Amino acid sequence: MTSYEQQAHRELVAWQQQMQRAPSYLNRFTRQLQVRLNNLLPEKVHQAITVAIREMVRGVLLGSRYTTRSPLLVGTLEEREMAVRTRVKYYRNTASAEGAVTGAGGFLLGLADFPLLLGIKLKLLFDIAALYGFDGHDYTERLYLLHIFQLAFSSQHSRNEVYQRVATWENYRHTLPLDPKGFDWRTFQQEYRDYIDLAKMAQLVPVIGAAVGAVANYKLLEQLGETARNCYRMRLGLDAVA
């Protein structure tokens, strides 16, 4: 292993431990609170949100397939990850600027931030997949992107479960439904919405909305980039090499 690969291996091991740790008291309390709040919403509201996010994500996934570069077939891990960090920085700055603009624009523009940010995140994932040599045109690879998304933006309780799927992806992918409608969209949207609710709700507050939107989006993209980087390190077998 090169010195870079050794450092990447150490980072991956530390990240894997973090993904598998037991939920803390605060994690459990927050999850219980979120469950209670979600139970207050009528079933029709949950269904409407699930359908809206499902169609939004499916639309972005379909569109991103045709605007994403071809898989990078040649390159060392260091070369690939230098390119990945450059893309994360670009999308992170784009998301931060978008959050500042929508946050400064009041309630209606603040609401518009949700689909815009979602599109930026998914486009970043397609670019990262290609830089690691994986083809986003493959249906199972697109579902892998959604699992990375879930892993980045879920409670620790759900994160443990999603991590196990990602860590054993080559076996798990054969159990995936052939129809995208079989994907658990309800859990996907609820975990994502719960995870970002507090940060994004503050973005709707006048005066502070712009600053909150910029910082929140910056951190969310940074977190997504780190999660994707380590997920693809596992796909490349870096965790199996000492």
C-alpha atoms as a PDB file:
ATOM      1  CA  MET A   1       0.000   0.000   0.000  1.00  0.00           C
ATOM      2  CA  THR A   2       1.114   3.553  -0.683  1.00  0.00           C
ATOM      3  CA  SER A   3       1.257   6.061   2.166  1.00  0.00           C
ATOM      4  CA  TYR A   4      -1.926   7.629   0.813  1.00  0.00           C
ATOM      5  CA  GLU A   5      -3.735   4.285   0.803  1.00  0.00           C
ATOM      6  CA  GLN A   6      -2.579   3.604   4.366  1.00  0.00           C
ATOM      7  CA  GLN A   7      -3.994   6.934   5.516  1.00  0.00           C
ATOM      8  CA  ALA A   8      -7.233   6.302   3.608  1.00  0.00           C
ATOM      9  CA  HIS A   9      -7.461   2.865   5.234  1.00  0.00           C
ATOM     10  CA  ARG A  10      -7.139   4.390   8.721  1.00  0.00           C
ATOM     11  CA  GLU A  11      -9.810   6.970   7.916  1.00  0.00           C
ATOM     12  CA  LEU A  12     -12.095   4.241   6.592  1.00  0.00           C
ATOM     13  CA  VAL A  13     -11.713   2.070   9.708  1.00  0.00           C
ATOM     14  CA  ALA A  14     -12.500   5.050  11.971  1.00  0.00           C
ATOM     15  CA  TRP A  15     -15.540   5.888   9.833  1.00  0.00           C
ATOM     16  CA  GLN A  16     -16.771   2.289   9.909  1.00  0.00           C
ATOM     17  CA  GLN A  17     -16.601   2.291  13.700  1.00  0.00           C
ATOM     18  CA  GLN A  18     -18.600   5.511  13.794  1.00  0.00           C
ATOM     19  CA  MET A  19     -21.278   4.067  11.478  1.00  0.00           C
ATOM     20  CA  GLN A  20     -21.698   0.973  13.673  1.00  0.00           C
ATOM     21  CA  ARG A  21     -21.752   2.552  17.098  1.00  0.00           C
ATOM     22  CA  ALA A  22     -24.848   2.168  19.257  1.00  0.00           C
ATOM     23  CA  PRO A  23     -27.289   5.105  19.354  1.00  0.00           C
ATOM     24  CA  SER A  24     -26.532   7.490  22.210  1.00  0.00           C
ATOM     25  CA  TYR A  25     -29.113   8.648  24.736  1.00  0.00           C
ATOM     26  CA  LEU A  26     -29.523  11.875  22.746  1.00  0.00           C
ATOM     27  CA  ASN A  27     -29.956   9.870  19.516  1.00  0.00           C
ATOM     28  CA  ARG A  28     -32.676   7.750  21.133  1.00  0.00           C
ATOM     29  CA  PHE A  29     -34.434  10.757  22.667  1.00  0.00           C
ATOM     30  CA  THR A  30     -34.384  12.661  19.372  1.00  0.00           C
ATOM     31  CA  ARG A  31     -35.706   9.656  17.480  1.00  0.00           C
ATOM     32  CA  GLN A  32     -38.557   9.161  19.973  1.00  0.00           C
ATOM     33  CA  LEU A  33     -39.470  12.840  19.646  1.00  0.00           C
ATOM     34  CA  GLN A  34     -39.432  12.633  15.859  1.00  0.00           C
ATOM     35  CA  VAL A  35     -41.585   9.503  15.898  1.00  0.00           C
ATOM     36  CA  ARG A  36     -44.142  11.254  18.106  1.00  0.00           C
ATOM     37  CA  LEU A  37     -44.203  14.286  15.852  1.00  0.00           C
ATOM     38  CA  ASN A  38     -44.585  12.108  12.761  1.00  0.00           C
ATOM     39  CA  ASN A  39     -47.456  10.242  14.410  1.00  0.00           C
ATOM     40  CA  LEU A  40     -49.310  13.538  14.751  1.00  0.00           C
ATOM     41  CA  LEU A  41     -49.363  13.952  10.971  1.00  0.00           C
ATOM     42  CA  PRO A  42     -52.350  12.386   9.175  1.00  0.00           C
ATOM     43  CA  GLU A  43     -51.594   9.335   7.028  1.00  0.00           C
ATOM     44  CA  LYS A  44     -52.599  11.242   3.896  1.00  0.00           C
ATOM     45  CA  VAL A  45     -49.876  13.801   4.621  1.00  0.00           C
ATOM     46  CA  HIS A  46     -47.242  11.070   4.957  1.00  0.00           C
ATOM     47  CA  GLN A  47     -48.400   9.506   1.706  1.00  0.00           C
ATOM     48  CA  ALA A  48     -48.330  12.834  -0.108  1.00  0.00           C
ATOM     49  CA  ILE A  49     -44.808  13.636   1.115  1.00  0.00           C
ATOM     50  CA  THR A  50     -43.578  10.138   0.230  1.00  0.00           C
ATOM     51  CA  VAL A  51     -44.961  10.371  -3.311  1.00  0.00           C
ATOM     52  CA  ALA A  52     -43.575  13.885  -3.776  1.00  0.00           C
ATOM     53  CA  ILE A  53     -40.052  12.945  -2.673  1.00  0.00           C
ATOM     54  CA  ARG A  54     -40.158   9.645  -4.566  1.00  0.00           C
ATOM     55  CA  GLU A  55     -41.036  11.371  -7.831  1.00  0.00           C
ATOM     56  CA  MET A  56     -38.569  14.175  -7.163  1.00  0.00           C
ATOM     57  CA  VAL A  57     -35.699  11.763  -6.512  1.00  0.00           C
ATOM     58  CA  ARG A  58     -36.619   9.498  -9.422  1.00  0.00           C
ATOM     59  CA  GLY A  59     -36.731  12.518 -11.724  1.00  0.00           C
ATOM     60  CA  VAL A  60     -33.299  13.695 -10.593  1.00  0.00           C
ATOM     61  CA  LEU A  61     -31.866  10.179 -10.859  1.00  0.00           C
ATOM     62  CA  LEU A  62     -33.200   9.810 -14.397  1.00  0.00           C
ATOM     63  CA  GLY A  63     -31.953  13.226 -15.481  1.00  0.00           C
ATOM     64  CA  SER A  64     -28.543  12.815 -13.851  1.00  0.00           C
ATOM     65  CA  ARG A  65     -27.960   9.599 -15.784  1.00  0.00           C
ATOM     66  CA  TYR A  66     -27.720  11.597 -19.000  1.00  0.00           C
ATOM     67  CA  THR A  67     -25.591  14.445 -17.694  1.00  0.00           C
ATOM     68  CA  THR A  68     -22.982  12.460 -15.756  1.00  0.00           C
ATOM     69  CA  ARG A  69     -19.530  11.715 -17.079  1.00  0.00           C
ATOM     70  CA  SER A  70     -18.421   8.246 -18.120  1.00  0.00           C
ATOM     71  CA  PRO A  71     -16.793   6.070 -15.430  1.00  0.00           C
ATOM     72  CA  LEU A  72     -13.104   6.785 -14.851  1.00  0.00           C
ATOM     73  CA  LEU A  73     -11.473   3.447 -15.621  1.00  0.00           C
ATOM     74  CA  VAL A  74      -7.823   4.337 -14.972  1.00  0.00           C
ATOM     75  CA  GLY A  75      -6.335   6.082 -11.951  1.00  0.00           C
ATOM     76  CA  THR A  76      -4.841   5.510  -8.534  1.00  0.00           C
ATOM     77  CA  LEU A  77      -6.905   5.949  -5.394  1.00  0.00           C
ATOM     78  CA  GLU A  78      -5.110   9.212  -4.675  1.00  0.00           C
ATOM     79  CA  GLU A  79      -5.804  10.568  -8.166  1.00  0.00           C
ATOM     80  CA  ARG A  80      -9.462   9.591  -7.955  1.00  0.00           C
ATOM     81  CA  GLU A  81      -9.923  11.145  -4.536  1.00  0.00           C
ATOM     82  CA  MET A  82      -8.210  14.373  -5.511  1.00  0.00           C
ATOM     83  CA  ALA A  83     -10.817  14.668  -8.266  1.00  0.00           C
ATOM     84  CA  VAL A  84     -13.597  13.701  -5.834  1.00  0.00           C
ATOM     85  CA  ARG A  85     -12.563  16.404  -3.366  1.00  0.00           C
ATOM     86  CA  THR A  86     -12.555  18.959  -6.173  1.00  0.00           C
ATOM     87  CA  ARG A  87     -16.118  17.982  -7.126  1.00  0.00           C
ATOM     88  CA  VAL A  88     -17.279  18.041  -3.499  1.00  0.00           C
ATOM     89  CA  LYS A  89     -15.812  21.526  -3.105  1.00  0.00           C
ATOM     90  CA  TYR A  90     -17.584  22.733  -6.255  1.00  0.00           C
ATOM     91  CA  TYR A  91     -21.004  21.344  -5.261  1.00  0.00           C
ATOM     92  CA  ARG A  92     -20.497  22.383  -1.633  1.00  0.00           C
ATOM     93  CA  ASN A  93     -19.906  25.992  -2.645  1.00  0.00           C
ATOM     94  CA  THR A  94     -22.832  25.854  -5.070  1.00  0.00           C
ATOM     95  CA  ALA A  95     -25.142  24.512  -2.365  1.00  0.00           C
ATOM     96  CA  SER A  96     -23.905  27.099   0.134  1.00  0.00           C
ATOM     97  CA  ALA A  97     -24.605  29.942  -2.288  1.00  0.00           C
ATOM     98  CA  GLU A  98     -28.019  28.491  -3.125  1.00  0.00           C
ATOM     99  CA  GLY A  99     -28.858  28.192   0.578  1.00  0.00           C
ATOM    100  CA  ALA A 100     -27.867  31.797   1.210  1.00  0.00           C
ATOM    101  CA  VAL A 101     -30.016  33.080  -1.655  1.00  0.00           C
ATOM    102  CA  THR A 102     -33.102  31.046  -0.783  1.00  0.00           C
ATOM    103  CA  GLY A 103     -32.633  31.734   2.930  1.00  0.00           C
ATOM    104  CA  ALA A 104     -32.524  35.462   2.293  1.00  0.00           C
ATOM    105  CA  GLY A 105     -35.601  35.309   0.093  1.00  0.00           C
ATOM    106  CA  GLY A 106     -38.115  34.554   2.797  1.00  0.00           C
ATOM    107  CA  PHE A 107     -40.477  31.661   3.380  1.00  0.00           C
ATOM    108  CA  LEU A 108     -41.384  30.746  -0.200  1.00  0.00           C
ATOM    109  CA  LEU A 109     -37.822  30.784  -1.494  1.00  0.00           C
ATOM    110  CA  GLY A 110     -36.769  28.908   1.629  1.00  0.00           C
ATOM    111  CA  LEU A 111     -39.176  26.129   0.685  1.00  0.00           C
ATOM    112  CA  ALA A 112     -37.668  26.053  -2.811  1.00  0.00           C
ATOM    113  CA  ASP A 113     -34.329  25.156  -1.261  1.00  0.00           C
ATOM    114  CA  PHE A 114     -35.453  21.583  -0.578  1.00  0.00           C
ATOM    115  CA  PRO A 115     -35.741  20.310  -4.176  1.00  0.00           C
ATOM    116  CA  LEU A 116     -32.777  22.412  -5.315  1.00  0.00           C
ATOM    117  CA  LEU A 117     -30.518  21.016  -2.606  1.00  0.00           C
ATOM    118  CA  LEU A 118     -31.741  17.484  -3.261  1.00  0.00           C
ATOM    119  CA  GLY A 119     -30.794  17.810  -6.918  1.00  0.00           C
ATOM    120  CA  ILE A 120     -27.319  19.109  -6.070  1.00  0.00           C
ATOM    121  CA  LYS A 121     -26.694  16.217  -3.675  1.00  0.00           C
ATOM    122  CA  LEU A 122     -27.756  13.529  -6.120  1.00  0.00           C
ATOM    123  CA  LYS A 123     -25.765  15.064  -8.973  1.00  0.00           C
ATOM    124  CA  LEU A 124     -22.694  15.064  -6.721  1.00  0.00           C
ATOM    125  CA  LEU A 125     -23.206  11.368  -5.995  1.00  0.00           C
ATOM    126  CA  PHE A 126     -23.358  10.532  -9.691  1.00  0.00           C
ATOM    127  CA  ASP A 127     -20.098  12.405 -10.277  1.00  0.00           C
ATOM    128  CA  ILE A 128     -18.392  10.670  -7.351  1.00  0.00           C
ATOM    129  CA  ALA A 129     -19.522   7.239  -8.575  1.00  0.00           C
ATOM    130  CA  ALA A 130     -18.043   7.937 -12.004  1.00  0.00           C
ATOM    131  CA  LEU A 131     -14.736   9.127 -10.541  1.00  0.00           C
ATOM    132  CA  TYR A 132     -14.425   5.846  -8.626  1.00  0.00           C
ATOM    133  CA  GLY A 133     -15.119   3.929 -11.841  1.00  0.00           C
ATOM    134  CA  PHE A 134     -18.771   2.953 -11.332  1.00  0.00           C
ATOM    135  CA  ASP A 135     -21.463   3.409 -13.980  1.00  0.00           C
ATOM    136  CA  GLY A 136     -24.533   5.385 -12.886  1.00  0.00           C
ATOM    137  CA  HIS A 137     -26.515   3.974 -15.806  1.00  0.00           C
ATOM    138  CA  ASP A 138     -26.667   0.660 -13.947  1.00  0.00           C
ATOM    139  CA  TYR A 139     -29.927   0.378 -11.996  1.00  0.00           C
ATOM    140  CA  THR A 140     -28.283  -1.220  -8.949  1.00  0.00           C
ATOM    141  CA  GLU A 141     -25.605   1.486  -8.904  1.00  0.00           C
ATOM    142  CA  ARG A 142     -28.327   4.132  -8.765  1.00  0.00           C
ATOM    143  CA  LEU A 143     -29.873   2.338  -5.809  1.00  0.00           C
ATOM    144  CA  TYR A 144     -26.419   2.241  -4.220  1.00  0.00           C
ATOM    145  CA  LEU A 145     -26.367   6.042  -4.475  1.00  0.00           C
ATOM    146  CA  LEU A 146     -29.670   6.174  -2.600  1.00  0.00           C
ATOM    147  CA  HIS A 147     -28.210   3.972   0.117  1.00  0.00           C
ATOM    148  CA  ILE A 148     -25.229   6.323   0.434  1.00  0.00           C
ATOM    149  CA  PHE A 149     -27.736   9.156   0.702  1.00  0.00           C
ATOM    150  CA  GLN A 150     -29.617   7.308   3.444  1.00  0.00           C
ATOM    151  CA  LEU A 151     -26.413   6.536   5.294  1.00  0.00           C
ATOM    152  CA  ALA A 152     -25.401  10.199   5.279  1.00  0.00           C
ATOM    153  CA  PHE A 153     -28.770  11.562   6.376  1.00  0.00           C
ATOM    154  CA  SER A 154     -30.323   9.095   8.811  1.00  0.00           C
ATOM    155  CA  SER A 155     -30.547   8.691  12.551  1.00  0.00           C
ATOM    156  CA  GLN A 156     -27.905   6.466  14.148  1.00  0.00           C
ATOM    157  CA  HIS A 157     -30.536   3.776  14.680  1.00  0.00           C
ATOM    158  CA  SER A 158     -31.317   3.502  10.961  1.00  0.00           C
ATOM    159  CA  ARG A 159     -27.713   4.167   9.989  1.00  0.00           C
ATOM    160  CA  ASN A 160     -26.609   0.883  11.551  1.00  0.00           C
ATOM    161  CA  GLU A 161     -29.041  -1.041   9.355  1.00  0.00           C
ATOM    162  CA  VAL A 162     -28.213   0.830   6.156  1.00  0.00           C
ATOM    163  CA  TYR A 163     -24.486   0.451   6.805  1.00  0.00           C
ATOM    164  CA  GLN A 164     -24.817  -3.338   6.870  1.00  0.00           C
ATOM    165  CA  ARG A 165     -26.431  -3.264   3.430  1.00  0.00           C
ATOM    166  CA  VAL A 166     -23.732  -1.000   2.042  1.00  0.00           C
ATOM    167  CA  ALA A 167     -20.922  -3.040   3.608  1.00  0.00           C
ATOM    168  CA  THR A 168     -22.241  -6.239   1.980  1.00  0.00           C
ATOM    169  CA  TRP A 169     -23.469  -4.614  -1.215  1.00  0.00           C
ATOM    170  CA  GLU A 170     -22.210  -7.200  -3.709  1.00  0.00           C
ATOM    171  CA  ASN A 171     -24.430  -9.790  -2.007  1.00  0.00           C
ATOM    172  CA  TYR A 172     -27.268  -7.455  -1.079  1.00  0.00           C
ATOM    173  CA  ARG A 173     -27.664  -6.054  -4.605  1.00  0.00           C
ATOM    174  CA  HIS A 174     -28.972  -9.443  -5.791  1.00  0.00           C
ATOM    175  CA  THR A 175     -31.915  -9.160  -3.387  1.00  0.00           C
ATOM    176  CA  LEU A 176     -33.003  -5.723  -4.651  1.00  0.00           C
ATOM    177  CA  PRO A 177     -36.445  -5.345  -6.233  1.00  0.00           C
ATOM    178  CA  LEU A 178     -36.436  -5.151 -10.027  1.00  0.00           C
ATOM    179  CA  ASP A 179     -39.039  -2.399  -9.880  1.00  0.00           C
ATOM    180  CA  PRO A 180     -37.858   0.925  -8.336  1.00  0.00           C
ATOM    181  CA  LYS A 181     -41.303   1.203  -6.727  1.00  0.00           C
ATOM    182  CA  GLY A 182     -40.207  -1.598  -4.422  1.00  0.00           C
ATOM    183  CA  PHE A 183     -37.668   0.698  -2.774  1.00  0.00           C
ATOM    184  CA  ASP A 184     -38.661   1.819   0.743  1.00  0.00           C
ATOM    185  CA  TRP A 185     -39.422   5.415  -0.180  1.00  0.00           C
ATOM    186  CA  ARG A 186     -41.371   6.103   3.012  1.00  0.00           C
ATOM    187  CA  THR A 187     -38.385   5.396   5.272  1.00  0.00           C
ATOM    188  CA  PHE A 188     -36.100   7.244   2.871  1.00  0.00           C
ATOM    189  CA  GLN A 189     -38.099  10.484   2.934  1.00  0.00           C
ATOM    190  CA  GLN A 190     -38.924  10.331   6.635  1.00  0.00           C
ATOM    191  CA  GLU A 191     -35.346   9.779   7.779  1.00  0.00           C
ATOM    192  CA  TYR A 192     -34.052  12.502   5.463  1.00  0.00           C
ATOM    193  CA  ARG A 193     -36.747  14.969   6.471  1.00  0.00           C
ATOM    194  CA  ASP A 194     -36.237  14.288  10.173  1.00  0.00           C
ATOM    195  CA  TYR A 195     -32.473  14.603   9.881  1.00  0.00           C
ATOM    196  CA  ILE A 196     -32.450  18.044   8.272  1.00  0.00           C
ATOM    197  CA  ASP A 197     -35.655  19.514   9.744  1.00  0.00           C
ATOM    198  CA  LEU A 198     -34.073  21.532  12.561  1.00  0.00           C
ATOM    199  CA  ALA A 199     -31.339  23.076  10.434  1.00  0.00           C
ATOM    200  CA  LYS A 200     -33.562  23.820   7.457  1.00  0.00           C
ATOM    201  CA  MET A 201     -36.501  25.158   9.465  1.00  0.00           C
ATOM    202  CA  ALA A 202     -34.201  27.840  10.873  1.00  0.00           C
ATOM    203  CA  GLN A 203     -33.448  28.829   7.279  1.00  0.00           C
ATOM    204  CA  LEU A 204     -37.045  30.054   6.956  1.00  0.00           C
ATOM    205  CA  VAL A 205     -36.565  32.596   9.757  1.00  0.00           C
ATOM    206  CA  PRO A 206     -36.154  36.178   8.498  1.00  0.00           C
ATOM    207  CA  VAL A 207     -32.776  37.921   8.933  1.00  0.00           C
ATOM    208  CA  ILE A 208     -30.829  34.783   9.934  1.00  0.00           C
ATOM    209  CA  GLY A 209     -32.153  32.616   7.083  1.00  0.00           C
ATOM    210  CA  ALA A 210     -29.360  33.444   4.641  1.00  0.00           C
ATOM    211  CA  ALA A 211     -26.550  32.625   7.071  1.00  0.00           C
ATOM    212  CA  VAL A 212     -28.262  29.462   8.295  1.00  0.00           C
ATOM    213  CA  GLY A 213     -28.957  28.299   4.746  1.00  0.00           C
ATOM    214  CA  ALA A 214     -25.367  28.823   3.638  1.00  0.00           C
ATOM    215  CA  VAL A 215     -23.813  27.040   6.626  1.00  0.00           C
ATOM    216  CA  ALA A 216     -26.344  24.184   6.717  1.00  0.00           C
ATOM    217  CA  ASN A 217     -25.975  23.398   3.019  1.00  0.00           C
ATOM    218  CA  TYR A 218     -22.181  23.623   3.249  1.00  0.00           C
ATOM    219  CA  LYS A 219     -22.078  21.074   6.072  1.00  0.00           C
ATOM    220  CA  LEU A 220     -24.644  18.757   4.492  1.00  0.00           C
ATOM    221  CA  LEU A 221     -22.640  18.537   1.253  1.00  0.00           C
ATOM    222  CA  GLU A 222     -19.411  18.038   3.169  1.00  0.00           C
ATOM    223  CA  GLN A 223     -21.003  15.175   5.108  1.00  0.00           C
ATOM    224  CA  LEU A 224     -22.385  13.586   1.960  1.00  0.00           C
ATOM    225  CA  GLY A 225     -18.965  13.756   0.294  1.00  0.00           C
ATOM    226  CA  GLU A 226     -17.262  12.073   3.251  1.00  0.00           C
ATOM    227  CA  THR A 227     -19.885   9.321   3.378  1.00  0.00           C
ATOM    228  CA  ALA A 228     -19.649   8.636  -0.354  1.00  0.00           C
ATOM    229  CA  ARG A 229     -15.849   8.601  -0.263  1.00  0.00           C
ATOM    230  CA  ASN A 230     -15.767   5.940   2.433  1.00  0.00           C
ATOM    231  CA  CYS A 231     -18.528   3.884   0.847  1.00  0.00           C
ATOM    232  CA  TYR A 232     -16.571   3.648  -2.388  1.00  0.00           C
ATOM    233  CA  ARG A 233     -13.382   2.878  -0.495  1.00  0.00           C
ATOM    234  CA  MET A 234     -15.239  -0.186   0.769  1.00  0.00           C
ATOM    235  CA  ARG A 235     -16.395  -1.036  -2.751  1.00  0.00           C
ATOM    236  CA  LEU A 236     -12.762  -0.956  -3.847  1.00  0.00           C
ATOM    237  CA  GLY A 237     -11.814  -3.318  -1.019  1.00  0.00           C
ATOM    238  CA  LEU A 238      -9.683  -0.866   0.939  1.00  0.00           C
ATOM    239  CA  ASP A 239     -11.094  -2.137   4.240  1.00  0.00           C
ATOM    240  CA  ALA A 240      -9.881  -5.658   3.436  1.00  0.00           C
ATOM    241  CA  VAL A 241      -6.282  -4.502   2.959  1.00  0.00           C
ATOM    242  CA  ALA A 242      -4.057  -3.890   5.973  1.00  0.00           C
END
